Protein backbone atom coordinates (compact mmCIF):
# COMPACT_ATOMS: atom_id res chain seq x y z
CA MET A 1 51.19 -24.02 0.01
CA ASP A 2 49.58 -21.47 -2.17
CA ILE A 3 46.32 -23.14 -3.62
CA ARG A 4 46.19 -20.50 -6.25
CA LYS A 5 49.29 -21.71 -8.00
CA PRO A 6 48.20 -23.25 -11.40
CA LYS A 7 48.94 -26.70 -12.42
CA THR A 8 50.70 -27.40 -15.66
CA ASN A 9 48.19 -28.10 -18.32
CA ARG A 10 49.01 -28.17 -22.08
CA LEU A 11 45.60 -27.53 -23.14
CA PHE A 12 45.24 -24.19 -21.09
CA LYS A 13 48.37 -22.14 -21.80
CA ASP A 14 46.27 -18.96 -21.17
CA PRO A 15 43.17 -20.11 -19.21
CA ILE A 16 41.87 -16.71 -18.26
CA LYS A 17 42.16 -15.38 -21.77
CA GLN A 18 40.40 -18.50 -23.15
CA LEU A 19 37.54 -18.19 -20.58
CA LYS A 20 36.87 -14.61 -21.68
CA ASN A 21 36.57 -15.79 -25.29
CA MET A 22 33.73 -18.06 -24.24
CA HIS A 23 30.22 -16.56 -24.24
CA THR A 24 28.82 -18.69 -21.39
CA LEU A 25 29.88 -21.40 -18.93
CA ARG A 26 27.77 -23.83 -21.08
CA ASP A 27 30.43 -23.14 -23.92
CA LEU A 28 33.00 -24.13 -21.40
CA ALA A 29 31.19 -27.34 -20.65
CA LYS A 30 30.90 -28.18 -24.17
CA SER A 31 34.47 -27.57 -24.88
CA LEU A 32 35.36 -29.94 -22.09
CA GLU A 33 33.08 -32.57 -23.51
CA ALA A 34 34.54 -32.01 -26.85
CA SER A 35 38.10 -32.36 -25.41
CA GLN A 36 37.18 -35.65 -23.82
CA ASP A 37 36.00 -36.87 -27.26
CA VAL A 38 39.33 -35.91 -28.58
CA GLY A 39 41.03 -37.35 -25.69
CA GLU A 40 39.84 -40.87 -26.55
CA LYS A 41 41.68 -40.64 -29.82
CA SER A 42 44.77 -38.79 -28.51
CA SER A 43 45.01 -40.74 -25.09
CA MET A 44 44.62 -37.37 -23.12
CA CYS A 45 41.34 -36.84 -21.55
CA LEU A 46 40.56 -33.31 -19.94
CA ARG A 47 38.35 -33.38 -16.89
CA TRP A 48 37.33 -30.74 -14.33
CA ASN A 49 40.06 -31.56 -12.03
CA ASP A 50 42.58 -30.92 -14.77
CA LEU A 51 41.55 -27.26 -14.88
CA PRO A 52 44.03 -24.90 -13.25
CA ASN A 53 42.92 -23.08 -10.12
CA GLU A 54 42.64 -19.65 -11.74
CA LEU A 55 40.04 -21.02 -14.10
CA LEU A 56 37.98 -22.80 -11.48
CA ILE A 57 37.96 -19.53 -9.34
CA HIS A 58 36.76 -17.63 -12.20
CA ILE A 59 33.98 -20.19 -12.79
CA PHE A 60 32.96 -20.30 -9.21
CA GLN A 61 32.51 -16.46 -9.16
CA TYR A 62 29.33 -17.03 -11.19
CA LEU A 63 27.76 -19.15 -8.68
CA PRO A 64 25.20 -18.00 -6.14
CA HIS A 65 25.67 -18.68 -2.37
CA GLY A 66 23.68 -21.90 -2.30
CA ASP A 67 25.74 -23.47 -5.20
CA LEU A 68 28.92 -22.41 -3.64
CA GLN A 69 28.12 -24.26 -0.50
CA GLN A 70 27.48 -27.44 -2.61
CA VAL A 71 31.07 -26.78 -4.31
CA ARG A 72 32.62 -27.05 -0.88
CA LEU A 73 31.41 -30.59 -0.55
CA VAL A 74 32.86 -31.83 -3.84
CA CYS A 75 36.46 -32.41 -2.71
CA ARG A 76 39.25 -30.90 -0.61
CA ARG A 77 40.68 -28.88 -3.38
CA TRP A 78 37.34 -27.30 -4.45
CA HIS A 79 36.62 -26.63 -0.69
CA ASP A 80 39.77 -24.80 -0.23
CA LEU A 81 39.25 -22.76 -3.33
CA ALA A 82 35.66 -21.81 -2.23
CA GLN A 83 37.21 -20.51 1.05
CA LEU A 84 39.23 -17.82 -0.56
CA PRO A 85 38.42 -14.15 0.12
CA GLU A 86 36.97 -13.62 -3.32
CA PHE A 87 33.82 -15.53 -2.13
CA LYS A 88 33.44 -14.18 1.27
CA GLU A 89 31.07 -11.44 0.18
CA LYS A 90 28.58 -14.08 -1.00
CA ASN A 91 28.42 -15.38 2.53
CA LYS A 92 26.78 -13.82 5.46
CA ILE A 93 25.43 -14.74 8.92
CA VAL A 94 21.94 -13.77 10.04
CA VAL A 95 21.40 -13.80 13.80
CA ASN A 96 17.84 -13.43 15.35
CA ASN A 97 16.17 -14.47 18.48
CA GLU A 98 15.46 -17.95 17.18
CA ASN A 99 18.99 -18.96 16.38
CA LYS A 100 21.15 -16.76 18.71
CA PHE A 101 21.39 -19.26 21.53
CA LEU A 102 22.08 -22.15 19.28
CA LEU A 103 24.83 -20.28 17.61
CA LEU A 104 26.26 -19.16 20.95
CA GLU A 105 26.26 -22.75 22.22
CA SER A 106 27.97 -23.98 19.12
CA LEU A 107 30.63 -21.26 19.57
CA ASN A 108 31.26 -21.97 23.23
CA VAL A 109 31.67 -25.77 22.50
CA ASP A 110 34.00 -25.31 19.49
CA SER A 111 36.54 -22.63 20.03
CA ASP A 112 37.86 -22.74 16.44
CA LEU A 113 34.30 -22.57 14.75
CA ALA A 114 34.35 -18.79 14.52
CA GLN A 115 37.78 -18.93 12.74
CA ARG A 116 36.60 -21.56 10.24
CA LEU A 117 33.48 -19.64 9.27
CA SER A 118 33.76 -17.83 5.98
CA PHE A 119 31.91 -14.63 5.80
CA ASP A 120 32.23 -10.80 5.86
CA THR A 121 28.61 -9.73 6.40
CA LEU A 122 26.63 -9.98 9.65
CA GLU A 123 22.95 -9.22 9.99
CA LEU A 124 21.18 -8.77 13.38
CA HIS A 125 17.46 -9.19 13.17
CA GLY A 126 15.22 -8.12 16.05
CA LEU A 127 17.83 -8.10 18.83
CA GLU A 128 18.07 -5.89 21.96
CA LEU A 129 21.08 -4.87 23.87
CA ALA A 130 22.02 -7.69 26.18
CA ASP A 131 25.04 -9.77 27.32
CA ASP A 132 24.33 -12.40 24.82
CA VAL A 133 24.64 -10.04 21.86
CA GLN A 134 27.86 -8.70 23.41
CA LEU A 135 29.19 -12.26 23.48
CA LEU A 136 28.23 -13.17 19.94
CA LEU A 137 30.04 -10.10 18.66
CA LYS A 138 33.11 -10.89 20.61
CA TYR A 139 33.09 -14.26 18.88
CA LEU A 140 32.24 -13.16 15.29
CA GLY A 141 33.25 -9.53 15.29
CA LYS A 142 36.81 -9.72 14.02
CA LYS A 143 35.66 -10.94 10.55
CA VAL A 144 32.82 -8.53 10.10
CA ARG A 145 33.32 -5.96 7.42
CA LYS A 146 29.62 -5.10 6.72
CA LEU A 147 27.01 -4.94 9.49
CA ARG A 148 23.24 -4.61 9.06
CA LEU A 149 21.07 -3.73 12.07
CA TYR A 150 17.39 -4.57 11.45
CA LYS A 151 15.14 -3.73 14.41
CA SER A 152 18.36 -4.17 16.51
CA PRO A 153 19.45 -0.96 18.47
CA VAL A 154 22.60 -2.62 19.89
CA PHE A 155 25.02 0.35 19.14
CA ALA A 156 26.63 0.14 22.49
CA SER A 157 27.76 -3.40 21.91
CA LEU A 158 29.68 -2.48 18.64
CA ASN A 159 32.59 -0.31 19.83
CA ASP A 160 35.06 -2.93 21.04
CA ASN A 161 34.15 -5.94 18.95
CA LEU A 162 34.36 -4.89 15.22
CA PRO A 163 37.87 -3.86 14.31
CA ALA A 164 37.42 -4.53 10.67
CA LEU A 165 34.04 -2.82 10.22
CA GLU A 166 33.75 -0.90 7.08
CA GLU A 167 30.08 -0.53 6.32
CA LEU A 168 27.09 -0.10 8.58
CA ILE A 169 23.45 -0.17 7.46
CA VAL A 170 20.68 0.81 9.95
CA THR A 171 16.91 -0.08 9.10
CA HIS A 172 13.71 -0.23 11.08
CA ILE A 173 14.64 1.33 14.44
CA PRO A 174 11.79 3.54 15.36
CA THR A 175 12.87 3.76 19.03
CA VAL A 176 15.84 3.23 21.38
CA GLN A 177 15.91 1.91 24.91
CA SER A 178 17.59 4.84 26.46
CA ASP A 179 20.21 7.53 25.96
CA ASN A 180 22.89 5.07 26.94
CA THR A 181 21.96 2.74 24.04
CA PHE A 182 23.63 5.18 21.53
CA SER A 183 27.25 5.40 22.74
CA LEU A 184 28.78 4.62 19.39
CA ASN A 185 32.23 5.83 18.81
CA LEU A 186 33.47 5.76 15.19
CA SER A 187 37.06 6.12 16.18
CA ASN A 188 36.98 2.57 17.20
CA PHE A 189 36.56 1.52 13.51
CA PRO A 190 39.72 2.60 11.71
CA LYS A 191 38.45 1.15 8.36
CA PHE A 192 35.02 2.57 8.57
CA LYS A 193 33.90 4.19 5.28
CA ALA A 194 30.22 3.49 4.50
CA LEU A 195 27.00 4.45 6.25
CA ASP A 196 23.41 3.90 5.21
CA ILE A 197 20.75 5.61 7.48
CA ALA A 198 18.32 6.44 4.72
CA CYS A 199 15.59 4.16 5.94
CA SER A 200 12.55 6.28 6.92
CA ASN A 201 11.73 3.96 9.85
CA VAL A 202 14.88 4.82 11.63
CA THR A 203 14.25 7.33 14.61
CA THR A 204 15.53 10.85 14.11
CA TYR A 205 17.51 10.42 17.27
CA VAL A 206 19.63 7.71 15.87
CA LYS A 207 20.29 9.46 12.59
CA THR A 208 21.22 12.67 14.30
CA HIS A 209 23.73 10.95 16.44
CA MET A 210 25.18 9.16 13.58
CA ILE A 211 25.60 12.29 11.55
CA LEU A 212 27.22 14.02 14.53
CA ASN A 213 29.65 11.33 14.81
CA LEU A 214 30.80 11.76 11.20
CA THR A 215 31.42 15.46 11.88
CA ARG A 216 33.37 14.89 15.19
CA GLU A 217 35.75 12.04 14.18
CA VAL A 218 38.12 13.74 11.80
CA SER A 219 39.98 10.32 11.31
CA VAL A 220 36.85 9.02 9.50
CA LYS A 221 36.75 9.51 5.77
CA MET A 222 33.51 8.40 4.20
CA GLY A 223 33.43 6.79 0.75
CA LYS A 224 29.69 5.93 0.81
CA LEU A 225 26.87 7.83 2.56
CA CYS A 226 23.09 7.22 2.26
CA ILE A 227 21.00 9.82 4.00
CA GLU A 228 17.58 11.31 4.35
CA VAL A 229 17.38 15.12 3.97
CA ASN A 230 14.57 17.13 5.81
CA ARG A 231 14.35 20.80 6.60
CA ASP A 232 15.09 20.34 10.29
CA HIS A 233 18.56 18.89 9.85
CA GLU A 234 19.39 20.32 6.34
CA ASP A 235 22.31 22.53 7.73
CA LEU A 236 23.86 19.64 9.59
CA LEU A 237 23.73 17.32 6.63
CA ILE A 238 25.25 19.87 4.33
CA TYR A 239 28.09 20.44 6.87
CA THR A 240 28.67 16.57 7.08
CA LEU A 241 28.83 16.30 3.25
CA GLN A 242 31.38 19.21 3.25
CA CYS A 243 33.50 17.34 5.78
CA HIS A 244 33.69 14.27 3.50
CA ALA A 245 33.32 15.77 0.05
CA GLN A 246 36.90 14.92 -1.01
CA THR A 247 36.52 11.15 -0.27
CA LEU A 248 32.86 10.55 -1.12
CA ARG A 249 32.42 8.20 -4.08
CA HIS A 250 28.80 6.97 -3.51
CA LEU A 251 26.06 9.24 -2.32
CA GLU A 252 22.42 8.48 -1.98
CA ILE A 253 19.86 11.27 -1.03
CA ILE A 254 16.25 10.79 -0.13
CA LEU A 255 14.47 14.26 -0.16
CA ARG A 256 11.76 14.41 2.53
CA SER A 257 11.26 18.25 2.03
CA THR A 258 12.27 20.74 -0.52
CA PRO A 259 15.91 22.01 0.05
CA ILE A 260 16.11 25.72 0.83
CA MET A 261 19.83 26.37 1.27
CA ILE A 262 20.58 26.26 -2.35
CA VAL A 263 23.83 28.29 -2.21
CA LYS A 264 25.31 25.80 0.31
CA TRP A 265 24.07 22.80 -1.74
CA LYS A 266 25.73 24.16 -4.69
CA GLN A 267 29.06 24.49 -2.79
CA VAL A 268 28.72 20.86 -1.57
CA PHE A 269 28.20 19.42 -5.02
CA ALA A 270 30.94 21.59 -6.60
CA ALA A 271 33.34 19.87 -4.19
CA LEU A 272 32.35 16.21 -4.98
CA GLU A 273 35.30 15.77 -7.45
CA ASN A 274 35.41 11.88 -6.87
CA LEU A 275 31.79 11.06 -7.04
CA GLU A 276 31.14 7.73 -9.01
CA THR A 277 27.58 6.98 -7.76
CA LEU A 278 24.65 9.39 -7.19
CA LYS A 279 21.09 8.50 -6.27
CA ILE A 280 18.47 11.21 -5.72
CA THR A 281 14.84 10.20 -4.91
CA GLY A 282 11.85 11.61 -2.96
CA VAL A 283 10.30 15.03 -3.29
CA SER A 284 10.53 16.53 -6.80
CA CYS A 285 12.73 19.81 -6.85
CA TYR A 286 13.56 20.73 -10.38
CA MET A 287 15.61 23.83 -9.78
CA TRP A 288 17.64 22.12 -6.99
CA LEU A 289 18.31 19.22 -9.30
CA LYS A 290 19.35 21.56 -12.12
CA HIS A 291 21.76 23.17 -9.72
CA VAL A 292 23.14 19.95 -8.53
CA PHE A 293 24.19 18.80 -12.03
CA GLU A 294 25.27 22.26 -13.06
CA CYS A 295 27.73 22.38 -10.09
CA LEU A 296 28.98 18.77 -10.01
CA PRO A 297 32.34 18.83 -11.67
CA LYS A 298 32.63 17.53 -15.20
CA GLU A 299 35.89 15.92 -14.06
CA ALA A 300 33.83 13.66 -11.48
CA PRO A 301 34.06 10.14 -12.71
CA LEU A 302 30.29 9.67 -12.54
CA ARG A 303 29.36 6.14 -13.48
CA HIS A 304 26.05 5.30 -11.89
CA LEU A 305 23.07 7.70 -11.76
CA ASP A 306 19.65 6.95 -10.26
CA LEU A 307 16.88 9.57 -10.51
CA SER A 308 13.88 7.13 -10.16
CA GLY A 309 10.80 8.86 -9.21
CA GLY A 310 11.98 12.23 -10.41
CA LEU A 311 8.82 13.38 -11.84
CA GLN A 312 10.32 16.69 -12.90
CA VAL A 313 13.26 15.33 -14.69
CA ASP A 314 12.76 16.49 -18.25
CA ASP A 315 14.53 16.38 -21.58
CA PRO A 316 16.88 19.50 -21.09
CA LEU A 317 17.99 18.22 -17.75
CA LEU A 318 18.80 14.73 -19.26
CA LYS A 319 20.74 16.31 -22.01
CA LEU A 320 22.81 18.36 -19.59
CA ILE A 321 23.67 15.15 -17.80
CA VAL A 322 24.49 13.17 -20.96
CA ASN A 323 26.58 15.93 -22.46
CA LYS A 324 28.52 16.42 -19.33
CA TRP A 325 29.48 12.70 -18.71
CA PRO A 326 29.32 11.01 -22.20
CA GLN A 327 32.33 8.82 -21.44
CA SER A 328 31.82 7.69 -17.86
CA LEU A 329 28.11 6.94 -17.36
CA GLU A 330 27.48 3.21 -17.21
CA THR A 331 24.14 2.97 -15.29
CA MET A 332 20.94 5.20 -15.63
CA GLU A 333 17.88 4.57 -13.61
CA LEU A 334 15.09 6.86 -14.81
CA MET A 335 11.96 5.00 -13.67
CA PHE A 336 8.89 7.01 -13.27
CA CYS A 337 10.44 10.18 -14.96
CA SER A 338 7.21 10.88 -16.55
CA CYS A 339 8.25 14.27 -18.16
CA LEU A 340 10.89 12.49 -20.34
CA THR A 341 9.97 12.16 -24.03
CA ASP A 342 11.51 10.48 -27.03
CA GLU A 343 13.40 13.72 -27.67
CA GLY A 344 15.34 13.32 -24.47
CA VAL A 345 15.93 9.61 -24.96
CA LYS A 346 17.54 10.49 -28.30
CA SER A 347 20.24 12.15 -26.42
CA LEU A 348 21.45 8.71 -24.93
CA GLY A 349 22.99 8.11 -28.22
CA SER A 350 25.93 9.88 -26.92
CA LEU A 351 26.44 7.10 -24.33
CA ARG A 352 26.54 4.18 -26.80
CA GLY A 353 30.11 3.49 -25.95
CA SER A 354 29.69 3.50 -22.17
CA LEU A 355 26.10 2.84 -21.01
CA LYS A 356 25.60 -0.73 -19.78
CA THR A 357 22.37 -0.46 -17.87
CA LEU A 358 19.29 1.54 -18.68
CA ASN A 359 15.95 1.74 -16.87
CA ILE A 360 13.16 3.88 -18.30
CA SER A 361 10.23 1.97 -16.84
CA HIS A 362 6.81 3.79 -16.42
CA CYS A 363 7.89 6.74 -18.55
CA SER A 364 4.72 7.22 -20.31
CA LYS A 365 5.81 9.57 -22.93
CA ILE A 366 8.70 7.32 -24.10
CA SER A 367 8.48 4.77 -26.88
CA SER A 368 10.85 2.35 -28.71
CA GLN A 369 11.24 5.04 -31.43
CA GLY A 370 13.30 7.18 -29.13
CA LEU A 371 15.78 4.23 -28.41
CA LEU A 372 16.02 3.59 -32.21
CA GLN A 373 16.93 7.19 -32.82
CA GLY A 374 19.50 7.28 -30.08
CA LEU A 375 21.04 4.47 -27.99
CA VAL A 376 19.96 1.82 -30.49
CA GLN A 377 20.43 3.77 -33.80
CA GLU A 378 22.86 1.02 -34.66
CA THR A 379 23.99 -2.29 -33.14
CA ASN A 380 24.92 -1.68 -29.62
CA PRO A 381 27.23 -4.33 -28.06
CA ILE A 382 27.67 -2.44 -24.72
CA LEU A 383 24.20 -2.37 -23.21
CA THR A 384 23.66 -5.47 -21.10
CA THR A 385 20.61 -4.43 -18.95
CA LEU A 386 17.38 -2.87 -20.30
CA VAL A 387 14.20 -2.40 -18.29
CA LEU A 388 11.24 -0.98 -20.30
CA ASN A 389 8.30 -1.90 -18.02
CA ASP A 390 5.02 -0.35 -18.94
CA ILE A 391 6.11 1.41 -22.21
CA THR A 392 3.03 2.48 -23.97
CA ASP A 393 4.32 1.62 -27.33
CA THR A 394 2.12 0.02 -30.07
CA ALA A 395 4.67 -0.40 -32.72
CA THR A 396 5.73 -4.09 -32.49
CA ASP A 397 8.11 -3.66 -35.53
CA ASN A 398 10.09 -1.06 -33.57
CA MET A 399 10.28 -3.23 -30.52
CA CYS A 400 11.58 -6.14 -32.73
CA LEU A 401 14.32 -3.83 -34.21
CA VAL A 402 15.43 -2.81 -30.77
CA MET A 403 15.92 -6.42 -29.83
CA GLN A 404 17.79 -7.11 -33.00
CA ARG A 405 20.31 -4.42 -32.32
CA LEU A 406 21.16 -5.27 -28.62
CA PRO A 407 23.09 -8.62 -28.99
CA ASN A 408 24.75 -8.73 -25.62
CA LEU A 409 21.73 -8.25 -23.29
CA CYS A 410 21.79 -10.29 -20.11
CA TYR A 411 18.88 -8.69 -18.26
CA LEU A 412 15.61 -7.72 -20.18
CA SER A 413 12.34 -6.68 -18.44
CA LEU A 414 9.21 -5.95 -20.60
CA GLU A 415 6.56 -6.16 -17.91
CA SER A 416 3.09 -4.76 -18.83
CA CYS A 417 4.20 -3.91 -22.42
CA ARG A 418 0.85 -5.24 -23.53
CA ASP A 419 0.82 -4.01 -27.13
CA ALA A 420 4.47 -4.14 -27.94
CA VAL A 421 5.22 -7.61 -26.88
CA THR A 422 3.62 -10.29 -29.14
CA ASP A 423 4.81 -13.77 -30.37
CA VAL A 424 6.63 -11.92 -33.01
CA THR A 425 8.57 -9.90 -30.50
CA LEU A 426 9.55 -13.03 -28.68
CA GLU A 427 10.80 -14.64 -31.95
CA ASN A 428 13.11 -11.72 -32.21
CA ILE A 429 14.22 -11.86 -28.56
CA PHE A 430 14.94 -15.69 -28.63
CA ARG A 431 16.71 -15.40 -31.97
CA HIS A 432 19.05 -12.53 -31.05
CA GLN A 433 19.25 -12.36 -27.29
CA THR A 434 20.94 -15.71 -26.78
CA LYS A 435 23.12 -14.38 -23.83
CA LEU A 436 19.94 -13.51 -21.64
CA GLN A 437 20.03 -14.68 -18.15
CA HIS A 438 16.98 -12.86 -16.76
CA LEU A 439 13.79 -12.26 -18.70
CA PHE A 440 10.61 -10.62 -17.37
CA LEU A 441 7.50 -10.66 -19.45
CA ASP A 442 4.74 -10.15 -16.76
CA ASP A 443 1.26 -9.21 -17.99
CA CYS A 444 2.25 -9.42 -21.55
CA MET A 445 -1.10 -11.01 -22.46
CA ARG A 446 -0.54 -11.10 -26.21
CA ILE A 447 1.89 -13.90 -26.06
CA SER A 448 1.03 -17.51 -26.50
CA ASP A 449 2.48 -20.99 -26.61
CA GLU A 450 3.59 -20.46 -30.23
CA GLY A 451 5.74 -17.48 -29.01
CA LEU A 452 7.59 -19.70 -26.59
CA LEU A 453 7.81 -22.74 -28.98
CA GLY A 454 8.74 -20.93 -32.05
CA PHE A 455 6.95 -20.79 -35.45
CA GLY A 456 7.38 -20.57 -39.13
CA SER A 457 10.01 -22.35 -41.38
CA HIS A 458 12.86 -21.21 -39.15
CA PRO A 459 11.53 -21.22 -35.55
CA ALA A 460 13.33 -19.68 -32.58
CA PRO A 461 12.03 -21.22 -29.44
CA ILE A 462 12.75 -20.03 -25.97
CA HIS A 463 15.03 -22.91 -25.07
CA ARG A 464 17.61 -21.23 -27.40
CA LEU A 465 18.43 -19.15 -24.28
CA LYS A 466 20.76 -21.72 -22.87
CA GLY A 467 21.95 -19.64 -19.93
CA LEU A 468 18.49 -18.51 -18.67
CA GLN A 469 18.40 -18.41 -14.81
CA THR A 470 15.29 -16.16 -14.14
CA LEU A 471 11.99 -16.19 -16.08
CA SER A 472 8.88 -14.44 -15.10
CA LEU A 473 5.62 -15.00 -16.99
CA ARG A 474 3.09 -13.75 -14.49
CA GLY A 475 -0.31 -12.92 -15.97
CA CYS A 476 0.47 -14.41 -19.36
CA ARG A 477 -2.88 -16.02 -19.45
CA ASN A 478 -2.75 -17.56 -22.88
CA LEU A 479 0.01 -19.97 -21.87
CA SER A 480 -0.85 -23.55 -21.35
CA ASN A 481 0.59 -26.97 -20.31
CA ARG A 482 2.08 -27.17 -23.85
CA ALA A 483 4.48 -24.37 -23.30
CA LEU A 484 5.67 -26.00 -20.15
CA ALA A 485 6.11 -29.42 -21.66
CA LYS A 486 7.76 -28.48 -24.91
CA GLY A 487 9.14 -24.99 -24.33
CA LEU A 488 10.67 -24.57 -20.93
CA LYS A 489 13.53 -26.99 -21.06
CA PHE A 490 16.16 -25.33 -18.87
CA PRO A 491 18.26 -27.65 -16.66
CA GLU A 492 19.81 -24.47 -15.03
CA LEU A 493 16.76 -22.33 -14.52
CA ARG A 494 16.70 -21.03 -10.92
CA LYS A 495 13.61 -18.88 -10.60
CA LEU A 496 10.23 -19.17 -12.51
CA VAL A 497 7.14 -17.07 -11.94
CA LEU A 498 3.79 -18.43 -13.50
CA GLY A 499 1.20 -16.59 -11.30
CA TYR A 500 -2.32 -16.08 -12.95
CA CYS A 501 -1.63 -18.49 -15.70
CA HIS A 502 -5.03 -20.04 -15.49
CA LYS A 503 -4.59 -22.76 -18.17
CA ILE A 504 -1.80 -24.40 -16.37
CA SER A 505 -2.69 -27.62 -14.54
CA SER A 506 -0.89 -30.43 -12.64
CA MET A 507 -0.09 -32.10 -16.03
CA GLY A 508 2.03 -29.15 -17.09
CA ILE A 509 3.68 -28.94 -13.63
CA GLU A 510 4.74 -32.56 -13.94
CA GLU A 511 6.42 -31.79 -17.26
CA LEU A 512 8.06 -28.54 -15.75
CA VAL A 513 9.60 -30.41 -13.00
CA GLU A 514 11.27 -32.71 -15.26
CA ASN A 515 12.39 -29.99 -17.56
CA CYS A 516 13.66 -27.57 -14.84
CA PRO A 517 15.08 -29.76 -12.05
CA SER A 518 17.38 -26.97 -10.58
CA LEU A 519 14.42 -24.58 -9.70
CA GLU A 520 15.04 -22.85 -6.38
CA ASP A 521 12.28 -20.38 -6.55
CA LEU A 522 8.86 -21.24 -8.02
CA THR A 523 5.60 -19.05 -8.01
CA ILE A 524 2.36 -20.51 -9.40
CA SER A 525 0.08 -18.45 -7.33
CA SER A 526 -3.56 -18.04 -8.58
CA CYS A 527 -3.27 -20.75 -10.93
CA LEU A 528 -6.70 -22.15 -10.41
CA MET A 529 -6.21 -25.68 -11.85
CA ILE A 530 -3.40 -26.56 -9.60
CA ASP A 531 -4.23 -29.36 -7.16
CA ASP A 532 -2.37 -31.71 -4.71
CA ASP A 533 -0.97 -33.76 -7.48
CA ALA A 534 1.04 -30.83 -8.66
CA MET A 535 2.34 -30.24 -5.12
CA LEU A 536 3.52 -33.94 -5.12
CA HIS A 537 5.36 -33.44 -8.34
CA ILE A 538 7.04 -30.28 -7.02
CA ALA A 539 8.04 -31.93 -3.66
CA GLN A 540 9.44 -34.93 -5.36
CA GLY A 541 11.15 -33.40 -8.34
CA LEU A 542 12.67 -30.19 -7.13
CA PRO A 543 15.26 -31.10 -4.52
CA ARG A 544 16.87 -27.50 -4.53
CA LEU A 545 13.55 -25.63 -4.02
CA ARG A 546 13.87 -22.90 -1.42
CA ARG A 547 10.90 -20.61 -2.04
CA LEU A 548 7.42 -21.64 -3.12
CA ASN A 549 4.36 -19.67 -3.61
CA VAL A 550 1.13 -21.31 -4.20
CA SER A 551 -1.24 -18.68 -2.92
CA ASN A 552 -4.82 -18.71 -4.10
CA CYS A 553 -4.51 -22.19 -5.68
CA ILE A 554 -8.01 -23.05 -4.29
CA ASN A 555 -7.96 -26.74 -4.94
CA LEU A 556 -5.07 -27.54 -2.58
CA THR A 557 -5.80 -29.43 0.67
CA GLY A 558 -3.95 -30.77 3.70
CA LYS A 559 -2.27 -33.36 1.50
CA SER A 560 -0.03 -30.67 0.01
CA ILE A 561 1.12 -29.68 3.44
CA ASP A 562 2.02 -33.33 4.12
CA TYR A 563 4.03 -33.38 0.82
CA VAL A 564 5.89 -30.25 1.75
CA VAL A 565 6.67 -31.44 5.27
CA GLU A 566 7.76 -34.91 4.11
CA LEU A 567 9.64 -34.23 0.93
CA CYS A 568 10.81 -30.62 0.64
CA ARG A 569 14.18 -30.79 2.43
CA SER A 570 15.59 -27.48 1.17
CA LEU A 571 12.55 -25.28 1.49
CA LYS A 572 12.90 -21.97 3.48
CA GLU A 573 9.89 -19.94 2.41
CA LEU A 574 6.36 -21.05 1.74
CA SER A 575 3.28 -18.94 0.74
CA MET A 576 -0.17 -20.62 0.84
CA CYS A 577 -2.41 -17.57 1.37
CA GLY A 578 -6.05 -17.62 0.28
CA ILE A 579 -6.67 -21.43 0.51
CA ASP A 580 -9.88 -21.85 2.60
CA SER A 581 -9.49 -25.53 3.07
CA LEU A 582 -6.42 -25.13 5.31
CA GLU A 583 -6.84 -24.74 9.04
CA ILE A 584 -4.04 -22.02 9.79
CA GLN A 585 -3.24 -22.88 13.28
CA GLU A 586 -3.07 -26.54 12.66
CA VAL A 587 -0.71 -25.87 9.68
CA GLN A 588 1.42 -23.55 11.61
CA ASP A 589 1.84 -26.04 14.42
CA LYS A 590 2.70 -28.77 12.02
CA PHE A 591 5.48 -26.75 10.37
CA LEU A 592 6.75 -25.64 13.79
CA GLN A 593 7.04 -29.17 15.01
CA MET A 594 8.16 -31.02 11.86
CA LYS A 595 9.78 -28.36 9.69
CA PRO A 596 11.42 -25.81 11.90
CA GLN A 597 14.08 -24.90 9.26
CA ILE A 598 11.36 -23.15 7.20
CA CYS A 599 11.99 -19.41 7.97
CA GLU A 600 8.85 -17.98 6.66
CA VAL A 601 5.36 -19.54 6.12
CA ASN A 602 2.58 -17.26 4.95
CA LEU A 603 -0.98 -18.73 5.33
C-alpha cells in the first residue's frame, strides 16, 4: 500500500497550493484551530490526522532531525511517513571508538536492524583500519550515499562495501599507516560523483592518490569537487579538472599559492559550461581571478558564488560578475572583501530578481547606502538571507530603511554593527521582518530592553517574530531580566545566546525557561550573576536541551553538576570552563559514571 496516497478531504482540495499560500506553519496551526471552531457549528472538526499525507510530508520537511525522531513516536502513520526517502538526508550515523562495539553487537544480535535504520550519511571518527570497521561497513554500507572520514584512514575497507556511495569527504588525516592503507578503487562506486579533499589537515599523500584516481577512472564523472591548489601539484589538478569539466556543477578551490599556469587555467574555466556553484578562497590573486570570470562561459548557470576572504576583489570585478550572470546568481558570499565599496555594491541592483542570499560582512568600505542605491533601491521580496556583520555604518535611518524594504528575510545577521543598530532599528526589524527565523545581534551594545519590548504609541516588540528559531544577543550588555520576562516569549525558539549579558540573573532565567520551553541550545556564558538556582530552573524546565554553555559563570558550584546529572536527560554537550569552584577530575568522573550519553564536556 502506498502511504503517499492522499485521503479524501473536502477541506483540502489542493493541499499543497494551500500550504504555499501560508506564510508560516503557525498560520497552518491557526487555520486548523479556526477550522475546529467552525467544526463545532458545522459538525465537522478538522484534526491533524485528517490532513492528507502530502501535506504532512511537506510540514515534516521543516523539522530538524531531533523533532523528526519524536514524530516517529506519535503513531504508526506518522512513523511511516517519517521513514520516507525525503527525510533520509536528515539522518546520519556517527561511529567512533566509544560506540562501535555496541553498534556491532546490536547488529549481530538483530540481523534486520541495518535494514530498519533510516539514514544515508555515515561518519567515521577516529577509526583505524581493522576487522571491526570492515564488518561495520559490511552491515551498513549498502545504504551509505555520503561518507565522511574524520581522522579515519580506512580507505582499504571501502572498496567492496559501499555500492551506493555518491560523496566522500576526507578531513584531518595527517598520516596513513602504510602504502597498503590507500588502495581505494573508484570503479567500485558506480554512483560516485562528489569528492571533498580541501581540508588542510589531510596529508598530501592521500590527496595525490585521490586525484590520480579521478584521472585514471574514465567511468567516474564528477559533479562536485573540493580541492586545494598548491604549486607542487598544479599541473595534476588542472588535468583533473579538464577530465571532468563537462560534468562539474560544484567546484571549491582553496589557493595555497599563487597559480602560475595562467593559460591552462583559462582553458579549464572556459570548459566549465555547467558550473552552478563556485567557491574560491585562500591566497589573493587578482589577475588570476579576473581571468577566471572572463573565461567562465556566460551560458554557465552560475547560481552560488563564494569569494569570502578575497581581499583583492574590487568594484570592477564585482561588476563584471554581476553583468555576466544577472539572471542566475542566487547566492553571493563576499565576506572580508575589503576592497569593495558602495560603488560596487550598487551594481547588485541588477540581481534584484534573482539574488536570495548576500553576505558582505567585514567589508569596511561598504555602508547601507550602497544597498539602498542598488539591491534595496525599492522593496525587494526576493532576498531572504542578509549578513551585514561589522558594517561601519553610522546612519541609523538608512539601516531602518533597508529593513523596511526587505519583507521576506528569514535570516538576518547584524553582529558588531554597534552604531547602526539601535532600539529604533529593532523597532523596524520587528515591525517589517515578521518572517525572520534566525536573528543575530551580537555586540550591538546600543540596544536595550525597550528595543525588545517595543516603545511608543504603536510598539513593535520582538515577540511579533512568531517563527523565530535562533536568537543571538551575545554582548548586548544593556539587556536585563525584564527583557527575558516580558520580551522573549517564543514557545518554538530552539537556540538562544546570551553570553556577556551581565545584568541577567537567576530570576530572569526562571522567566526565560517558562517563556521558551523548547530550547535545545542555550549559551549564558560570562553572565556573572548566574548561580545554582538558574541551573536548577534550566535543568527542570528545558527537557529538550541538548547543548548548554555556562562557562565563566563564576557563582556556580557542585550543586549545578548534580542538577545536570539528575535532570538533564537530553543533554549532549556541556561547557563549564573557567569555574574555579569545580574539581575537574571529580566532575569528569561523575559524568562518565552517571551521564555517559553526554558526548562532550568542557571544563
